[in-house]
Structure formats: C-alpha cells, structure tokens
C-alpha cells in the first residue's frame, strides 16, 4: 500500500509556540493554569493535566484557586480578560497566536474608523469571540455560511470591513465575500486566514483527489481539522476523521492501494507517526 503523508500535517507555528510555552512554565514550578484548553487536542490537554496544569474556562473559577501563572491559549481571549486576571493577583503569559493578535489590532483599528466589522467564521469558536470583542462598532456581525451572507444587511452609510477566522476554509471565505460584494456595499476585505491554514487545506485537497482513502487526524473539537475533513471528503468519499490510532477501522481500508494522511494544526507529531506506522504495517 502506498501511503502519502501531507508535509503540512501537524502543529502550526502558533500551536507549537503555545504548547511549548506551557511546558516551559511547568519547568519553572508553581501553579499553572490555562485559560481554556491550550489547544483543541484532548491528548495534549490530558498530558498537561497529568503534569499538574489546570484548565479554567471562566475568570470566576480562579477566585478559589491558589495564585500562580495563567497561560492564554493560542486562540486568544476576549478584550479585558487578561487585565481582570492580573487584578486578581495572577501572572499572565500570553501564548495567543501572533496571527490572531494581528486580527485583534485590525478589528480595533477599522471599527474605530467607523467601519462595520464582519467576521467570517464560527461564532461559537473562542477565537471568533475574542476577535469580536475588539470591535468598538455597533452591530458587529459573524457570518459562517452562505445563508448568513445572503441575509446580511450593512448599516446605512457604513463601510464594511471583512476579516476571517484564521482557520476558515479559504474557498468558502471567497464565496461569502463575493455574496456580500454583490450587494454593492463599500467593502474592505482583509484575508486573515493564516498561510499555514491555506497551505494545509490546499495540500490536503490535492492528496485526497489522488488516493483511494484519506485519513484526517485531529481533535473532535478542532475547527481547522473539521474543515480539513470537509475538504477531503469532497475529493475522496472514503475519508476518515480520527483522533488517534485507536480510532482506525481496518475494514475501511480493504482493497485500498493508496492512502493519504493529513492532520490538523493541533495534532502532535507523535500521533501522526503512530497512525502512519500503523497504516503501513497493518493494512
């Protein structure tokens, strides 16, 4: 069986930076917390918990915990959260992805200049919640699909500034922008999908179009992995979404000659290597 592993599979820069930051803080000792899961990967979060790292999801949770260091996750947090945590006596280590921080600055700038902000992404995702909080404009809108785009009506006389969640599907972003553009509004389009995401999606699509079966590895709550799965599924009907090698079902790979493998930005190399080795040796 031929196995093709995507070169772009696994940790992106922002995720690696965030995870490495937590492990470095562990070495320094003291109580370590992450505000939300540091990344959307259960294996990584479980390993950190075994090493004493505690995940807190709300500021109020910190009131009953010993003072220590709070690491801000790669997705970032809403405006003002870091200040509140520091006022409670905790130290902050900000591991927000620099590409996400860039969007915060852009949204803050263009909203202050009077633009209506449109964020293309998943409204429930922590990254999008954080981005939205940096907009000073009223009626900031999150658009996640064609239906949302078609329903969108800009505030009268407002210039529209469109940004994107860093891990959004690039082709879908272009589609949604075009729908809004056709309404005739004065728009500014800022493609804030990170380069690593575009590269990962493009490579995954190319591999999936040439194989008999495709494996996408990543946490079940990982937005970028879910999008990879959608892209690959469109190209190869035999596409499987797994978190670890334990999820592989041999029955799905009978009579398969070519298998492609990719992984989301929050998937450790160890898990990718285990899956690749298992496919080569067992199937």
C-alpha atoms as a PDB file:
ATOM      1  CA  UNK A   1       0.000   0.000   0.000  1.00  0.00           C
ATOM      2  CA  UNK A   2       1.223   3.461  -0.890  1.00  0.00           C
ATOM      3  CA  UNK A   3       0.915   5.988   1.944  1.00  0.00           C
ATOM      4  CA  UNK A   4       1.190   9.736   1.295  1.00  0.00           C
ATOM      5  CA  UNK A   5       1.660  11.952   4.336  1.00  0.00           C
ATOM      6  CA  UNK A   6       0.989  15.664   3.898  1.00  0.00           C
ATOM      7  CA  UNK A   7       4.107  17.721   4.565  1.00  0.00           C
ATOM      8  CA  UNK A   8       1.985  20.374   6.265  1.00  0.00           C
ATOM      9  CA  UNK A   9       0.335  17.942   8.703  1.00  0.00           C
ATOM     10  CA  UNK A  10       0.573  18.698  12.409  1.00  0.00           C
ATOM     11  CA  UNK A  11       1.445  21.614  14.654  1.00  0.00           C
ATOM     12  CA  UNK A  12       1.441  25.050  13.069  1.00  0.00           C
ATOM     13  CA  UNK A  13       3.690  27.818  14.397  1.00  0.00           C
ATOM     14  CA  UNK A  14       1.087  29.305  16.743  1.00  0.00           C
ATOM     15  CA  UNK A  15       0.078  25.978  18.264  1.00  0.00           C
ATOM     16  CA  UNK A  16       3.649  24.782  18.775  1.00  0.00           C
ATOM     17  CA  UNK A  17       4.512  28.099  20.405  1.00  0.00           C
ATOM     18  CA  UNK A  18       1.549  27.841  22.789  1.00  0.00           C
ATOM     19  CA  UNK A  19       2.197  24.216  23.771  1.00  0.00           C
ATOM     20  CA  UNK A  20       5.938  24.814  24.240  1.00  0.00           C
ATOM     21  CA  UNK A  21       5.109  27.816  26.412  1.00  0.00           C
ATOM     22  CA  UNK A  22       3.091  25.702  28.849  1.00  0.00           C
ATOM     23  CA  UNK A  23       5.781  23.024  29.111  1.00  0.00           C
ATOM     24  CA  UNK A  24       8.384  25.720  29.833  1.00  0.00           C
ATOM     25  CA  UNK A  25       6.180  27.168  32.565  1.00  0.00           C
ATOM     26  CA  UNK A  26       5.884  23.710  34.143  1.00  0.00           C
ATOM     27  CA  UNK A  27       9.668  23.638  34.484  1.00  0.00           C
ATOM     28  CA  UNK A  28       9.538  26.925  36.396  1.00  0.00           C
ATOM     29  CA  UNK A  29       7.279  25.382  39.036  1.00  0.00           C
ATOM     30  CA  UNK A  30       4.287  26.870  40.819  1.00  0.00           C
ATOM     31  CA  UNK A  31       0.615  26.641  39.995  1.00  0.00           C
ATOM     32  CA  UNK A  32      -0.016  26.667  36.230  1.00  0.00           C
ATOM     33  CA  UNK A  33      -3.379  27.297  34.601  1.00  0.00           C
ATOM     34  CA  UNK A  34      -4.503  27.644  31.016  1.00  0.00           C
ATOM     35  CA  UNK A  35      -7.465  29.848  30.164  1.00  0.00           C
ATOM     36  CA  UNK A  36      -9.453  27.308  28.216  1.00  0.00           C
ATOM     37  CA  UNK A  37      -7.736  24.249  26.690  1.00  0.00           C
ATOM     38  CA  UNK A  38      -4.362  25.452  25.372  1.00  0.00           C
ATOM     39  CA  UNK A  39      -5.254  23.848  22.022  1.00  0.00           C
ATOM     40  CA  UNK A  40      -8.124  21.688  20.775  1.00  0.00           C
ATOM     41  CA  UNK A  41      -6.448  18.324  21.245  1.00  0.00           C
ATOM     42  CA  UNK A  42      -7.520  16.021  24.072  1.00  0.00           C
ATOM     43  CA  UNK A  43      -4.254  14.068  24.109  1.00  0.00           C
ATOM     44  CA  UNK A  44      -2.163  17.204  24.686  1.00  0.00           C
ATOM     45  CA  UNK A  45      -4.561  18.619  27.279  1.00  0.00           C
ATOM     46  CA  UNK A  46      -4.623  15.299  29.174  1.00  0.00           C
ATOM     47  CA  UNK A  47      -0.820  15.138  29.238  1.00  0.00           C
ATOM     48  CA  UNK A  48      -0.631  18.658  30.634  1.00  0.00           C
ATOM     49  CA  UNK A  49      -3.238  17.849  33.284  1.00  0.00           C
ATOM     50  CA  UNK A  50      -1.156  14.851  34.372  1.00  0.00           C
ATOM     51  CA  UNK A  51       1.699  17.304  34.896  1.00  0.00           C
ATOM     52  CA  UNK A  52      -0.469  19.478  37.132  1.00  0.00           C
ATOM     53  CA  UNK A  53      -1.776  22.053  34.668  1.00  0.00           C
ATOM     54  CA  UNK A  54      -5.359  23.090  35.409  1.00  0.00           C
ATOM     55  CA  UNK A  55      -7.763  24.296  32.719  1.00  0.00           C
ATOM     56  CA  UNK A  56     -10.038  27.166  33.749  1.00  0.00           C
ATOM     57  CA  UNK A  57     -12.821  28.326  31.473  1.00  0.00           C
ATOM     58  CA  UNK A  58     -14.187  31.298  33.404  1.00  0.00           C
ATOM     59  CA  UNK A  59     -12.498  34.067  35.371  1.00  0.00           C
ATOM     60  CA  UNK A  60     -14.662  33.280  38.400  1.00  0.00           C
ATOM     61  CA  UNK A  61     -13.052  29.835  38.685  1.00  0.00           C
ATOM     62  CA  UNK A  62      -9.750  31.478  39.596  1.00  0.00           C
ATOM     63  CA  UNK A  63     -11.144  33.055  42.772  1.00  0.00           C
ATOM     64  CA  UNK A  64     -10.975  29.743  44.644  1.00  0.00           C
ATOM     65  CA  UNK A  65      -7.605  28.630  43.259  1.00  0.00           C
ATOM     66  CA  UNK A  66      -4.059  29.239  44.547  1.00  0.00           C
ATOM     67  CA  UNK A  67      -2.270  32.166  42.906  1.00  0.00           C
ATOM     68  CA  UNK A  68       0.002  31.209  40.029  1.00  0.00           C
ATOM     69  CA  UNK A  69       0.514  31.693  36.293  1.00  0.00           C
ATOM     70  CA  UNK A  70      -2.278  31.738  33.731  1.00  0.00           C
ATOM     71  CA  UNK A  71      -1.282  30.912  30.159  1.00  0.00           C
ATOM     72  CA  UNK A  72      -3.556  32.386  27.499  1.00  0.00           C
ATOM     73  CA  UNK A  73      -4.346  29.809  24.824  1.00  0.00           C
ATOM     74  CA  UNK A  74      -3.412  30.041  21.140  1.00  0.00           C
ATOM     75  CA  UNK A  75      -6.970  31.123  20.229  1.00  0.00           C
ATOM     76  CA  UNK A  76      -6.689  34.228  22.412  1.00  0.00           C
ATOM     77  CA  UNK A  77      -9.286  35.655  24.792  1.00  0.00           C
ATOM     78  CA  UNK A  78     -11.808  38.463  24.826  1.00  0.00           C
ATOM     79  CA  UNK A  79     -10.708  42.042  25.419  1.00  0.00           C
ATOM     80  CA  UNK A  80     -10.151  42.840  29.093  1.00  0.00           C
ATOM     81  CA  UNK A  81      -9.780  39.247  30.281  1.00  0.00           C
ATOM     82  CA  UNK A  82      -6.011  39.486  30.865  1.00  0.00           C
ATOM     83  CA  UNK A  83      -6.411  42.682  32.897  1.00  0.00           C
ATOM     84  CA  UNK A  84      -9.067  41.077  35.098  1.00  0.00           C
ATOM     85  CA  UNK A  85      -6.885  38.034  35.737  1.00  0.00           C
ATOM     86  CA  UNK A  86      -3.917  40.218  36.703  1.00  0.00           C
ATOM     87  CA  UNK A  87      -6.097  42.269  39.056  1.00  0.00           C
ATOM     88  CA  UNK A  88      -6.882  39.015  40.884  1.00  0.00           C
ATOM     89  CA  UNK A  89      -3.184  38.529  41.596  1.00  0.00           C
ATOM     90  CA  UNK A  90      -2.228  36.014  38.897  1.00  0.00           C
ATOM     91  CA  UNK A  91       0.641  36.313  36.437  1.00  0.00           C
ATOM     92  CA  UNK A  92      -0.167  36.236  32.733  1.00  0.00           C
ATOM     93  CA  UNK A  93       1.784  34.508  29.974  1.00  0.00           C
ATOM     94  CA  UNK A  94       0.140  35.327  26.665  1.00  0.00           C
ATOM     95  CA  UNK A  95       0.524  32.499  24.131  1.00  0.00           C
ATOM     96  CA  UNK A  96      -2.091  33.883  21.738  1.00  0.00           C
ATOM     97  CA  UNK A  97      -1.092  33.136  18.146  1.00  0.00           C
ATOM     98  CA  UNK A  98       0.501  36.252  16.586  1.00  0.00           C
ATOM     99  CA  UNK A  99      -1.789  35.869  13.560  1.00  0.00           C
ATOM    100  CA  UNK A 100      -4.812  36.087  15.866  1.00  0.00           C
ATOM    101  CA  UNK A 101      -3.370  39.123  17.647  1.00  0.00           C
ATOM    102  CA  UNK A 102      -2.982  40.788  14.250  1.00  0.00           C
ATOM    103  CA  UNK A 103      -6.725  40.403  13.639  1.00  0.00           C
ATOM    104  CA  UNK A 104      -7.458  41.968  17.038  1.00  0.00           C
ATOM    105  CA  UNK A 105      -5.442  45.031  16.024  1.00  0.00           C
ATOM    106  CA  UNK A 106      -7.093  45.257  12.596  1.00  0.00           C
ATOM    107  CA  UNK A 107     -10.612  44.985  14.016  1.00  0.00           C
ATOM    108  CA  UNK A 108      -9.827  47.556  16.696  1.00  0.00           C
ATOM    109  CA  UNK A 109      -8.433  49.961  14.086  1.00  0.00           C
ATOM    110  CA  UNK A 110     -11.116  49.687  11.417  1.00  0.00           C
ATOM    111  CA  UNK A 111     -14.008  49.715  13.877  1.00  0.00           C
ATOM    112  CA  UNK A 112     -12.606  52.881  15.467  1.00  0.00           C
ATOM    113  CA  UNK A 113     -12.516  54.440  11.991  1.00  0.00           C
ATOM    114  CA  UNK A 114     -16.237  53.861  11.624  1.00  0.00           C
ATOM    115  CA  UNK A 115     -16.364  50.603   9.668  1.00  0.00           C
ATOM    116  CA  UNK A 116     -18.924  47.901  10.335  1.00  0.00           C
ATOM    117  CA  UNK A 117     -16.985  44.716  11.101  1.00  0.00           C
ATOM    118  CA  UNK A 118     -17.940  41.398   9.524  1.00  0.00           C
ATOM    119  CA  UNK A 119     -16.130  38.318  10.839  1.00  0.00           C
ATOM    120  CA  UNK A 120     -16.246  35.204   8.669  1.00  0.00           C
ATOM    121  CA  UNK A 121     -16.053  32.212  10.974  1.00  0.00           C
ATOM    122  CA  UNK A 122     -17.765  30.109  13.636  1.00  0.00           C
ATOM    123  CA  UNK A 123     -19.483  32.410  16.129  1.00  0.00           C
ATOM    124  CA  UNK A 124     -19.150  29.849  18.941  1.00  0.00           C
ATOM    125  CA  UNK A 125     -15.384  29.433  18.475  1.00  0.00           C
ATOM    126  CA  UNK A 126     -13.203  31.080  21.169  1.00  0.00           C
ATOM    127  CA  UNK A 127     -11.020  32.749  18.527  1.00  0.00           C
ATOM    128  CA  UNK A 128     -14.037  34.450  16.948  1.00  0.00           C
ATOM    129  CA  UNK A 129     -15.422  35.517  20.337  1.00  0.00           C
ATOM    130  CA  UNK A 130     -12.078  37.118  21.079  1.00  0.00           C
ATOM    131  CA  UNK A 131     -11.908  38.893  17.714  1.00  0.00           C
ATOM    132  CA  UNK A 132     -15.451  40.217  18.074  1.00  0.00           C
ATOM    133  CA  UNK A 133     -14.676  41.740  21.460  1.00  0.00           C
ATOM    134  CA  UNK A 134     -12.055  44.045  19.913  1.00  0.00           C
ATOM    135  CA  UNK A 135     -14.619  45.746  17.700  1.00  0.00           C
ATOM    136  CA  UNK A 136     -15.898  49.065  19.028  1.00  0.00           C
ATOM    137  CA  UNK A 137     -18.516  49.230  16.282  1.00  0.00           C
ATOM    138  CA  UNK A 138     -22.176  48.511  16.888  1.00  0.00           C
ATOM    139  CA  UNK A 139     -23.758  45.610  15.000  1.00  0.00           C
ATOM    140  CA  UNK A 140     -20.548  43.625  14.519  1.00  0.00           C
ATOM    141  CA  UNK A 141     -21.634  40.559  12.541  1.00  0.00           C
ATOM    142  CA  UNK A 142     -20.328  36.981  12.347  1.00  0.00           C
ATOM    143  CA  UNK A 143     -21.035  35.114   9.112  1.00  0.00           C
ATOM    144  CA  UNK A 144     -20.442  31.373   8.863  1.00  0.00           C
ATOM    145  CA  UNK A 145     -22.255  30.234   5.734  1.00  0.00           C
ATOM    146  CA  UNK A 146     -23.992  31.316   2.536  1.00  0.00           C
ATOM    147  CA  UNK A 147     -27.331  31.787   4.277  1.00  0.00           C
ATOM    148  CA  UNK A 148     -25.764  34.224   6.746  1.00  0.00           C
ATOM    149  CA  UNK A 149     -24.085  36.121   3.905  1.00  0.00           C
ATOM    150  CA  UNK A 150     -27.313  36.412   1.919  1.00  0.00           C
ATOM    151  CA  UNK A 151     -29.185  37.739   4.953  1.00  0.00           C
ATOM    152  CA  UNK A 152     -26.530  40.304   5.818  1.00  0.00           C
ATOM    153  CA  UNK A 153     -27.591  43.938   5.567  1.00  0.00           C
ATOM    154  CA  UNK A 154     -24.992  46.604   6.265  1.00  0.00           C
ATOM    155  CA  UNK A 155     -25.698  49.613   8.440  1.00  0.00           C
ATOM    156  CA  UNK A 156     -26.710  52.580   6.320  1.00  0.00           C
ATOM    157  CA  UNK A 157     -23.744  54.561   5.057  1.00  0.00           C
ATOM    158  CA  UNK A 158     -21.190  52.327   6.747  1.00  0.00           C
ATOM    159  CA  UNK A 159     -18.111  50.954   5.033  1.00  0.00           C
ATOM    160  CA  UNK A 160     -17.876  47.206   5.660  1.00  0.00           C
ATOM    161  CA  UNK A 161     -14.597  45.632   6.809  1.00  0.00           C
ATOM    162  CA  UNK A 162     -14.459  41.850   6.387  1.00  0.00           C
ATOM    163  CA  UNK A 163     -11.965  39.668   8.280  1.00  0.00           C
ATOM    164  CA  UNK A 164     -11.765  35.910   8.785  1.00  0.00           C
ATOM    165  CA  UNK A 165     -11.130  33.372  11.492  1.00  0.00           C
ATOM    166  CA  UNK A 166      -7.542  32.203  10.897  1.00  0.00           C
ATOM    167  CA  UNK A 167      -8.560  28.584  10.228  1.00  0.00           C
ATOM    168  CA  UNK A 168     -11.560  29.178   7.967  1.00  0.00           C
ATOM    169  CA  UNK A 169     -11.844  27.400   4.626  1.00  0.00           C
ATOM    170  CA  UNK A 170     -10.222  29.744   2.106  1.00  0.00           C
ATOM    171  CA  UNK A 171     -12.546  28.876  -0.800  1.00  0.00           C
ATOM    172  CA  UNK A 172     -15.631  29.317   1.378  1.00  0.00           C
ATOM    173  CA  UNK A 173     -14.288  32.664   2.563  1.00  0.00           C
ATOM    174  CA  UNK A 174     -14.006  33.802  -1.040  1.00  0.00           C
ATOM    175  CA  UNK A 175     -17.557  32.620  -1.760  1.00  0.00           C
ATOM    176  CA  UNK A 176     -19.028  34.515   1.196  1.00  0.00           C
ATOM    177  CA  UNK A 177     -17.098  37.668   0.357  1.00  0.00           C
ATOM    178  CA  UNK A 178     -18.446  37.521  -3.199  1.00  0.00           C
ATOM    179  CA  UNK A 179     -22.041  37.256  -1.944  1.00  0.00           C
ATOM    180  CA  UNK A 180     -21.565  40.365   0.198  1.00  0.00           C
ATOM    181  CA  UNK A 181     -19.734  42.182  -2.585  1.00  0.00           C
ATOM    182  CA  UNK A 182     -22.672  41.639  -4.938  1.00  0.00           C
ATOM    183  CA  UNK A 183     -24.852  43.714  -2.613  1.00  0.00           C
ATOM    184  CA  UNK A 184     -22.953  46.797  -3.746  1.00  0.00           C
ATOM    185  CA  UNK A 185     -21.546  47.852  -0.382  1.00  0.00           C
ATOM    186  CA  UNK A 186     -18.278  49.740   0.020  1.00  0.00           C
ATOM    187  CA  UNK A 187     -16.137  46.933   1.437  1.00  0.00           C
ATOM    188  CA  UNK A 188     -12.611  46.336   2.658  1.00  0.00           C
ATOM    189  CA  UNK A 189     -11.595  42.663   2.513  1.00  0.00           C
ATOM    190  CA  UNK A 190      -8.761  41.526   4.774  1.00  0.00           C
ATOM    191  CA  UNK A 191      -7.878  37.880   4.193  1.00  0.00           C
ATOM    192  CA  UNK A 192      -6.719  36.955   7.694  1.00  0.00           C
ATOM    193  CA  UNK A 193      -6.660  33.198   7.124  1.00  0.00           C
ATOM    194  CA  UNK A 194      -3.117  32.247   8.105  1.00  0.00           C
ATOM    195  CA  UNK A 195      -0.735  30.981   5.430  1.00  0.00           C
ATOM    196  CA  UNK A 196      -0.284  27.649   7.220  1.00  0.00           C
ATOM    197  CA  UNK A 197      -4.046  27.038   7.031  1.00  0.00           C
ATOM    198  CA  UNK A 198      -4.219  27.800   3.311  1.00  0.00           C
ATOM    199  CA  UNK A 199      -1.200  25.586   2.630  1.00  0.00           C
ATOM    200  CA  UNK A 200      -2.626  22.724   4.714  1.00  0.00           C
ATOM    201  CA  UNK A 201      -6.027  22.886   3.009  1.00  0.00           C
ATOM    202  CA  UNK A 202      -4.561  23.101  -0.495  1.00  0.00           C
ATOM    203  CA  UNK A 203      -2.235  20.147   0.080  1.00  0.00           C
ATOM    204  CA  UNK A 204      -4.971  18.055   1.699  1.00  0.00           C
ATOM    205  CA  UNK A 205      -7.300  18.646  -1.245  1.00  0.00           C
ATOM    206  CA  UNK A 206      -4.595  17.665  -3.735  1.00  0.00           C
ATOM    207  CA  UNK A 207      -3.722  14.447  -1.903  1.00  0.00           C
ATOM    208  CA  UNK A 208      -7.374  13.459  -1.334  1.00  0.00           C
ATOM    209  CA  UNK A 209      -8.099  13.797  -5.042  1.00  0.00           C
ATOM    210  CA  UNK A 210      -5.450  11.186  -5.870  1.00  0.00           C
ATOM    211  CA  UNK A 211      -5.979   8.442  -3.251  1.00  0.00           C
ATOM    212  CA  UNK A 212      -8.442   5.634  -2.563  1.00  0.00           C
ATOM    213  CA  UNK A 213      -8.828   6.554   1.117  1.00  0.00           C
ATOM    214  CA  UNK A 214      -7.948   9.614   3.180  1.00  0.00           C
ATOM    215  CA  UNK A 215      -7.261   9.884   6.909  1.00  0.00           C
ATOM    216  CA  UNK A 216      -7.672  13.211   8.721  1.00  0.00           C
ATOM    217  CA  UNK A 217      -6.230  13.279  12.247  1.00  0.00           C
ATOM    218  CA  UNK A 218      -7.233  15.781  14.893  1.00  0.00           C
ATOM    219  CA  UNK A 219      -9.251  16.589  17.985  1.00  0.00           C
ATOM    220  CA  UNK A 220     -13.017  16.334  17.646  1.00  0.00           C
ATOM    221  CA  UNK A 221     -13.376  19.967  18.750  1.00  0.00           C
ATOM    222  CA  UNK A 222     -10.717  21.276  16.384  1.00  0.00           C
ATOM    223  CA  UNK A 223     -12.241  23.740  13.925  1.00  0.00           C
ATOM    224  CA  UNK A 224      -9.378  23.559  11.439  1.00  0.00           C
ATOM    225  CA  UNK A 225      -9.449  19.729  11.466  1.00  0.00           C
ATOM    226  CA  UNK A 226     -13.185  19.706  10.821  1.00  0.00           C
ATOM    227  CA  UNK A 227     -12.621  21.925   7.789  1.00  0.00           C
ATOM    228  CA  UNK A 228      -9.829  19.646   6.548  1.00  0.00           C
ATOM    229  CA  UNK A 229     -12.226  16.720   6.804  1.00  0.00           C
ATOM    230  CA  UNK A 230     -14.878  18.576   4.774  1.00  0.00           C
ATOM    231  CA  UNK A 231     -12.357  19.445   2.072  1.00  0.00           C
ATOM    232  CA  UNK A 232     -11.005  15.896   1.854  1.00  0.00           C
ATOM    233  CA  UNK A 233     -14.478  14.339   1.935  1.00  0.00           C
ATOM    234  CA  UNK A 234     -15.441  16.383  -1.122  1.00  0.00           C
ATOM    235  CA  UNK A 235     -12.485  14.900  -3.007  1.00  0.00           C
ATOM    236  CA  UNK A 236     -12.492  11.351  -1.601  1.00  0.00           C
ATOM    237  CA  UNK A 237     -15.646   9.693  -0.289  1.00  0.00           C
ATOM    238  CA  UNK A 238     -13.547   7.255   1.783  1.00  0.00           C
ATOM    239  CA  UNK A 239     -12.314   9.923   4.169  1.00  0.00           C
ATOM    240  CA  UNK A 240     -11.992   9.101   7.864  1.00  0.00           C
ATOM    241  CA  UNK A 241     -11.790  11.550  10.787  1.00  0.00           C
ATOM    242  CA  UNK A 242      -9.829  10.097  13.717  1.00  0.00           C
ATOM    243  CA  UNK A 243      -8.245  11.428  16.902  1.00  0.00           C
ATOM    244  CA  UNK A 244      -5.658   8.681  17.483  1.00  0.00           C
ATOM    245  CA  UNK A 245      -4.517   5.386  16.003  1.00  0.00           C
ATOM    246  CA  UNK A 246      -7.104   3.608  18.199  1.00  0.00           C
ATOM    247  CA  UNK A 247      -9.872   5.039  16.025  1.00  0.00           C
ATOM    248  CA  UNK A 248      -8.647   3.356  12.841  1.00  0.00           C
ATOM    249  CA  UNK A 249     -11.026   0.729  11.465  1.00  0.00           C
ATOM    250  CA  UNK A 250      -9.198  -1.871   9.283  1.00  0.00           C
ATOM    251  CA  UNK A 251     -12.425  -2.723   7.458  1.00  0.00           C
ATOM    252  CA  UNK A 252     -12.417   0.681   5.817  1.00  0.00           C
ATOM    253  CA  UNK A 253      -9.098   0.002   4.100  1.00  0.00           C
ATOM    254  CA  UNK A 254      -9.787  -3.310   2.407  1.00  0.00           C
ATOM    255  CA  UNK A 255      -8.939  -3.277  -1.313  1.00  0.00           C
ATOM    256  CA  UNK A 256      -7.253   0.107  -0.912  1.00  0.00           C
ATOM    257  CA  UNK A 257      -3.960   0.719  -2.725  1.00  0.00           C
ATOM    258  CA  UNK A 258      -3.347   4.405  -1.963  1.00  0.00           C
ATOM    259  CA  UNK A 259      -3.928   6.152   1.369  1.00  0.00           C
ATOM    260  CA  UNK A 260      -3.429   9.810   2.146  1.00  0.00           C
ATOM    261  CA  UNK A 261      -2.876  11.227   5.632  1.00  0.00           C
ATOM    262  CA  UNK A 262      -3.170  14.787   6.880  1.00  0.00           C
ATOM    263  CA  UNK A 263      -3.668  16.288  10.331  1.00  0.00           C
ATOM    264  CA  UNK A 264      -4.973  19.440  11.927  1.00  0.00           C
ATOM    265  CA  UNK A 265      -2.826  22.177  13.396  1.00  0.00           C
ATOM    266  CA  UNK A 266      -3.325  20.836  16.935  1.00  0.00           C
ATOM    267  CA  UNK A 267      -2.189  17.268  16.243  1.00  0.00           C
ATOM    268  CA  UNK A 268       1.167  16.227  17.795  1.00  0.00           C
ATOM    269  CA  UNK A 269       3.747  14.555  15.544  1.00  0.00           C
ATOM    270  CA  UNK A 270       3.740  11.505  17.818  1.00  0.00           C
ATOM    271  CA  UNK A 271       0.110  10.744  16.965  1.00  0.00           C
ATOM    272  CA  UNK A 272       0.681  11.323  13.239  1.00  0.00           C
ATOM    273  CA  UNK A 273       3.680   8.975  13.251  1.00  0.00           C
ATOM    274  CA  UNK A 274       1.713   6.277  15.088  1.00  0.00           C
ATOM    275  CA  UNK A 275      -1.089   6.435  12.522  1.00  0.00           C
ATOM    276  CA  UNK A 276       1.319   6.397   9.574  1.00  0.00           C
ATOM    277  CA  UNK A 277       3.237   3.428  11.004  1.00  0.00           C
ATOM    278  CA  UNK A 278       0.040   1.504  11.730  1.00  0.00           C
ATOM    279  CA  UNK A 279      -1.322   2.037   8.220  1.00  0.00           C
ATOM    280  CA  UNK A 280       1.945   0.876   6.638  1.00  0.00           C
ATOM    281  CA  UNK A 281       2.337  -2.190   8.826  1.00  0.00           C
ATOM    282  CA  UNK A 282      -1.214  -3.364   9.471  1.00  0.00           C
ATOM    283  CA  UNK A 283      -3.087  -2.596   6.280  1.00  0.00           C
END
